[in-house]
Protein backbone atom coordinates (compact mmCIF):
# COMPACT_ATOMS: atom_id res chain seq x y z
CA MET A 1 26.14 59.48 60.26
CA ALA A 2 29.95 59.47 60.21
CA ALA A 3 31.75 58.84 63.49
CA GLN A 4 33.54 61.81 64.99
CA LEU A 5 37.14 60.91 65.69
CA PRO A 6 38.72 62.22 68.89
CA ASP A 7 41.34 64.90 68.51
CA PRO A 8 44.50 63.77 70.37
CA GLY A 9 45.86 67.30 70.31
CA ARG A 10 42.80 68.62 72.15
CA LEU A 11 42.88 65.78 74.67
CA PHE A 12 46.41 66.67 75.77
CA ASP A 13 46.21 70.43 75.24
CA LEU A 14 47.05 72.44 78.38
CA THR A 15 46.84 75.91 76.86
CA GLY A 16 45.67 78.43 79.44
CA ARG A 17 46.50 76.19 82.39
CA THR A 18 49.11 76.68 85.08
CA ALA A 19 51.31 73.90 86.44
CA LEU A 20 53.25 74.18 89.70
CA ILE A 21 56.11 71.71 90.11
CA THR A 22 57.99 71.23 93.38
CA GLY A 23 61.52 69.96 92.88
CA GLY A 24 61.06 71.54 89.48
CA ALA A 25 64.75 72.14 88.83
CA GLY A 26 65.79 68.51 89.32
CA GLY A 27 66.11 65.93 86.59
CA LEU A 28 62.62 64.47 86.89
CA GLY A 29 60.92 67.73 87.83
CA SER A 30 62.42 69.74 84.98
CA ALA A 31 61.61 67.02 82.44
CA MET A 32 57.97 66.94 83.53
CA ALA A 33 57.86 70.74 83.52
CA ALA A 34 59.12 70.71 79.93
CA ALA A 35 56.43 68.21 78.92
CA LEU A 36 53.68 70.32 80.49
CA ALA A 37 55.07 73.50 78.94
CA GLY A 38 55.21 71.79 75.56
CA ALA A 39 51.47 71.13 75.86
CA GLY A 40 50.86 74.83 76.49
CA ALA A 41 50.87 75.22 80.28
CA ALA A 42 52.45 78.15 82.12
CA ILE A 43 55.04 76.79 84.55
CA VAL A 44 55.81 77.59 88.18
CA LEU A 45 59.08 75.99 89.29
CA VAL A 46 59.76 75.58 93.01
CA ASP A 47 63.18 74.38 94.16
CA ARG A 48 65.74 75.11 96.87
CA ASP A 49 68.74 74.96 94.50
CA GLY A 50 69.09 78.51 93.16
CA PRO A 51 71.61 77.91 90.34
CA LEU A 52 69.79 74.79 89.18
CA LEU A 53 66.50 76.67 89.32
CA ASP A 54 67.91 79.49 87.18
CA SER A 55 69.26 76.97 84.68
CA ALA A 56 65.96 75.11 84.40
CA SER A 57 64.04 78.36 84.03
CA ALA A 58 66.40 79.61 81.32
CA ALA A 59 66.07 76.36 79.38
CA LEU A 60 62.27 76.46 79.50
CA GLY A 61 62.11 80.15 78.73
CA GLY A 62 64.52 79.73 75.84
CA ALA A 63 62.17 77.12 74.38
CA GLY A 64 59.27 79.56 74.54
CA ALA A 65 57.65 78.59 77.84
CA THR A 66 56.20 81.07 80.32
CA VAL A 67 57.97 80.46 83.64
CA LEU A 68 57.78 81.75 87.20
CA THR A 69 60.48 80.58 89.64
CA ILE A 70 60.21 80.39 93.41
CA ARG A 71 63.20 79.43 95.51
CA GLY A 72 62.61 77.64 98.78
CA ASP A 73 62.58 74.39 100.71
CA VAL A 74 59.38 72.36 100.37
CA THR A 75 59.47 71.59 104.09
CA ASP A 76 59.10 75.30 104.93
CA PRO A 77 55.55 75.46 106.34
CA ASP A 78 54.89 78.85 104.73
CA LEU A 79 56.27 78.13 101.26
CA ALA A 80 53.31 76.23 99.82
CA GLU A 81 50.87 79.04 100.54
CA ALA A 82 53.33 81.70 99.36
CA ALA A 83 54.10 79.84 96.12
CA THR A 84 50.44 79.15 95.41
CA SER A 85 49.52 82.77 96.04
CA ALA A 86 52.33 83.94 93.76
CA ALA A 87 51.16 81.58 91.01
CA VAL A 88 47.57 82.79 91.32
CA ALA A 89 48.69 86.43 91.33
CA ARG A 90 50.69 85.88 88.13
CA PHE A 91 48.48 83.47 86.22
CA GLY A 92 45.06 83.63 87.87
CA ARG A 93 44.88 80.02 89.05
CA VAL A 94 46.76 76.77 89.59
CA ASP A 95 45.41 73.86 87.55
CA ILE A 96 48.15 71.25 87.98
CA LEU A 97 50.39 70.37 90.91
CA VAL A 98 53.32 67.98 90.52
CA CYS A 99 55.03 67.06 93.79
CA ALA A 100 58.44 65.98 92.48
CA ALA A 101 60.67 67.08 95.36
CA GLY A 102 62.18 64.05 97.07
CA ARG A 103 64.98 62.85 99.29
CA ALA A 104 66.82 59.52 99.32
CA LEU A 105 68.19 57.57 102.27
CA ARG A 106 70.30 54.58 101.29
CA LYS A 107 70.76 53.12 104.78
CA ASP A 108 69.35 50.05 106.46
CA ALA A 109 67.27 50.32 109.61
CA LEU A 110 70.18 49.54 111.93
CA HIS A 111 72.24 52.44 110.68
CA SER A 112 69.57 55.11 110.13
CA GLY A 113 69.68 57.95 112.64
CA ASP A 114 66.62 59.79 113.92
CA ALA A 115 67.59 63.04 112.21
CA GLU A 116 68.02 61.28 108.86
CA VAL A 117 64.70 59.49 109.21
CA ASP A 118 62.89 62.69 110.14
CA ALA A 119 64.43 64.54 107.18
CA VAL A 120 63.30 61.92 104.65
CA ILE A 121 59.79 61.75 106.07
CA ALA A 122 59.60 65.55 106.09
CA VAL A 123 60.37 65.85 102.36
CA ASN A 124 58.89 62.66 100.92
CA LEU A 125 55.65 62.45 102.85
CA LYS A 126 54.82 65.38 105.14
CA ALA A 127 55.65 68.01 102.52
CA VAL A 128 53.68 66.12 99.87
CA PHE A 129 50.66 66.11 102.20
CA HIS A 130 51.07 69.81 102.94
CA TRP A 131 51.41 70.88 99.30
CA ASN A 132 48.43 68.70 98.34
CA GLN A 133 46.45 70.29 101.18
CA VAL A 134 47.28 73.90 100.29
CA VAL A 135 46.96 73.62 96.51
CA GLY A 136 44.04 71.20 96.81
CA ARG A 137 42.12 73.81 98.79
CA ARG A 138 42.58 76.28 95.92
CA MET A 139 41.58 73.71 93.34
CA ILE A 140 38.43 72.80 95.23
CA ALA A 141 37.51 76.50 95.41
CA GLN A 142 37.92 76.78 91.63
CA ALA A 143 36.07 73.46 91.09
CA GLY A 144 38.84 71.62 89.28
CA GLY A 145 42.47 70.59 89.09
CA ALA A 146 44.90 67.72 88.74
CA ILE A 147 47.46 66.69 91.36
CA ILE A 148 50.29 64.31 90.49
CA ASN A 149 52.46 62.99 93.31
CA ILE A 150 55.76 61.27 92.61
CA ALA A 151 56.12 57.92 94.34
CA SER A 152 58.68 55.23 93.43
CA GLN A 153 59.02 51.59 92.46
CA GLY A 154 60.12 51.29 96.09
CA ALA A 155 56.46 51.69 97.06
CA PHE A 156 55.70 48.32 95.46
CA ALA A 157 58.91 46.34 95.92
CA ALA A 158 61.31 46.48 98.85
CA LEU A 159 64.49 48.16 97.66
CA ARG A 160 67.03 46.56 99.94
CA GLY A 161 68.73 48.81 102.46
CA ARG A 162 66.17 51.63 102.06
CA PRO A 163 63.32 50.90 104.50
CA VAL A 164 62.52 54.51 105.36
CA TYR A 165 62.58 55.65 101.75
CA ASN A 166 60.35 52.73 100.72
CA ALA A 167 57.90 53.47 103.52
CA THR A 168 57.59 57.15 102.60
CA LYS A 169 56.90 56.33 98.97
CA ALA A 170 54.32 53.71 99.92
CA GLY A 171 52.77 56.43 102.04
CA VAL A 172 52.58 58.69 99.00
CA VAL A 173 50.62 56.00 97.14
CA GLN A 174 48.07 55.64 99.93
CA LEU A 175 47.88 59.40 100.49
CA THR A 176 47.13 59.78 96.78
CA ARG A 177 44.32 57.22 96.96
CA SER A 178 42.84 58.80 100.08
CA LEU A 179 42.85 62.36 98.76
CA ALA A 180 41.50 61.19 95.40
CA ALA A 181 38.52 59.56 97.13
CA ASP A 182 37.88 62.70 99.19
CA TRP A 183 38.25 65.30 96.44
CA ILE A 184 37.00 63.84 93.17
CA ALA A 185 33.45 65.02 93.89
CA SER A 186 34.87 68.57 93.92
CA GLY A 187 36.49 68.11 90.52
CA VAL A 188 40.04 67.53 91.75
CA ARG A 189 41.81 64.43 90.46
CA VAL A 190 44.73 63.09 92.48
CA ASN A 191 47.05 60.48 90.96
CA ALA A 192 50.69 59.47 91.23
CA ILE A 193 53.61 58.32 89.12
CA ALA A 194 56.07 55.71 90.41
CA PRO A 195 59.34 56.02 88.47
CA GLY A 196 61.81 53.21 88.31
CA LEU A 197 65.59 53.54 88.16
CA MET A 198 66.12 56.88 86.42
CA ASP A 199 69.36 58.25 85.01
CA THR A 200 69.71 61.31 87.24
CA ARG A 201 72.35 62.64 89.61
CA PHE A 202 70.82 60.56 92.42
CA ILE A 203 72.33 57.36 91.02
CA ALA A 204 75.87 58.74 90.65
CA GLU A 205 77.04 56.49 93.49
CA MET A 206 75.61 53.42 91.77
CA LYS A 207 77.14 54.31 88.41
CA ALA A 208 80.53 54.63 90.10
CA ASP A 209 80.34 50.91 90.93
CA PRO A 210 80.41 49.15 87.51
CA ASP A 211 79.45 45.71 88.83
CA ARG A 212 76.49 46.99 90.80
CA PHE A 213 75.40 49.27 87.96
CA GLU A 214 75.47 46.39 85.47
CA ALA A 215 73.50 44.16 87.83
CA GLU A 216 70.83 46.80 88.36
CA GLN A 217 70.43 47.38 84.63
CA LYS A 218 70.04 43.65 84.02
CA ARG A 219 67.05 43.67 86.36
CA ILE A 220 65.16 46.01 84.03
CA PRO A 221 63.24 44.07 81.34
CA ALA A 222 63.39 47.09 79.02
CA GLY A 223 67.16 46.71 79.08
CA ARG A 224 68.05 50.27 79.98
CA LEU A 225 67.80 52.94 82.62
CA GLY A 226 64.84 55.25 82.51
CA GLN A 227 65.45 58.79 81.29
CA PRO A 228 63.65 61.77 82.85
CA GLN A 229 61.90 62.30 79.51
CA ASP A 230 60.28 58.88 79.93
CA LEU A 231 57.90 60.49 82.42
CA ALA A 232 56.58 62.99 79.86
CA GLY A 233 53.74 60.85 78.58
CA ALA A 234 52.63 59.83 82.07
CA VAL A 235 52.50 63.37 83.44
CA LEU A 236 50.66 64.66 80.37
CA LEU A 237 48.10 61.89 80.62
CA LEU A 238 47.38 62.53 84.28
CA ALA A 239 47.37 66.33 83.93
CA SER A 240 45.15 66.62 80.87
CA ARG A 241 41.64 65.86 79.62
CA ALA A 242 43.00 62.56 78.35
CA GLY A 243 43.14 61.37 81.97
CA ALA A 244 39.80 62.81 83.04
CA TYR A 245 38.52 59.43 84.30
CA ILE A 246 41.74 58.34 86.01
CA VAL A 247 41.35 58.82 89.74
CA GLY A 248 43.54 57.71 92.63
CA GLN A 249 45.90 55.60 90.53
CA THR A 250 49.67 55.21 90.61
CA LEU A 251 51.18 54.76 87.16
CA ILE A 252 54.40 52.73 87.38
CA VAL A 253 57.01 53.86 84.84
CA ASP A 254 59.91 51.50 85.44
CA GLY A 255 60.69 49.62 82.23
CA GLY A 256 59.09 46.53 83.74
CA TRP A 257 61.29 46.35 86.86
CA THR A 258 58.40 45.56 89.22
CA LEU A 259 57.28 42.68 86.98
CA CYS A 260 60.23 40.53 88.05
C-alpha cells in the first residue's frame, strides 16, 4: 500500500479560524497578523494607536483579509472581555490569541522609577496574564484554541541595562509553561515566541548610534537584524495543526543571538 504523504497546505491552513492579536498594529503584531490572514484566518487587531491601527487594517483589508479593529489599551481591565466578545459576535469564536503588545524600559535598576517599573510590568506581564485568562476561558469552553505569547531573547540572556524588561519577559516564558500545563487537557495549547533584535521603530535609538548599531549586528550569527516577517513561520507553526503537539514551548527567533 502506498504511503500517504502529508499535505503541508492543510497542516498550516487556518480557514474558518479567528485570530486576535494585541499590539496588532505594531511592526511585529501586524506582520504576524498578515501571516495568519494569509493562511486564511479572520483577524481581530487590538491596539491603542488609532492611526497605526487604521493603517494596518487597511493594508490587511487591501490584501483580501477579513479584519475587525478594536482600539484600546491592553492594560484596561475591561478591554480583554470586550474585545473577545466583539470577536465572538462577529466571527462566532476566537481560535488564536497572539499577545504581541509590549513595552520597553532601557534603564538600569538604579535609575528605574516605580512608575516606570509598574508600567512595564502592567503591559508585559500582567496584561498578558489577563488576556490569556479571558480568552483562555472562551477557548476552554469551546474545547480548543492556540495562544501565542511574545517573549524576548531577554528572557534567556541578560540584556544589559534592562533588568525590569528582562524579568517581565522571563515571566512570560514561565507563565506560558504554567498555563500550557493547566490547559492542554482542555484542548488549549499555550506557547511563546522569543524574538531577537528586530528592525522595528523600537530600535530607532540604537540605529541612531552607528557604533552601537554595528556592534549589536555583529553579535548576531545570521549577520543581520531580524525583520518582522521573520516571525511568520513561527506564528503559523504554533497557531496551526502543524504545531498540534507543541505545548508550553518558547520558540527563539533571534538569528542565533542566544547561541553566543
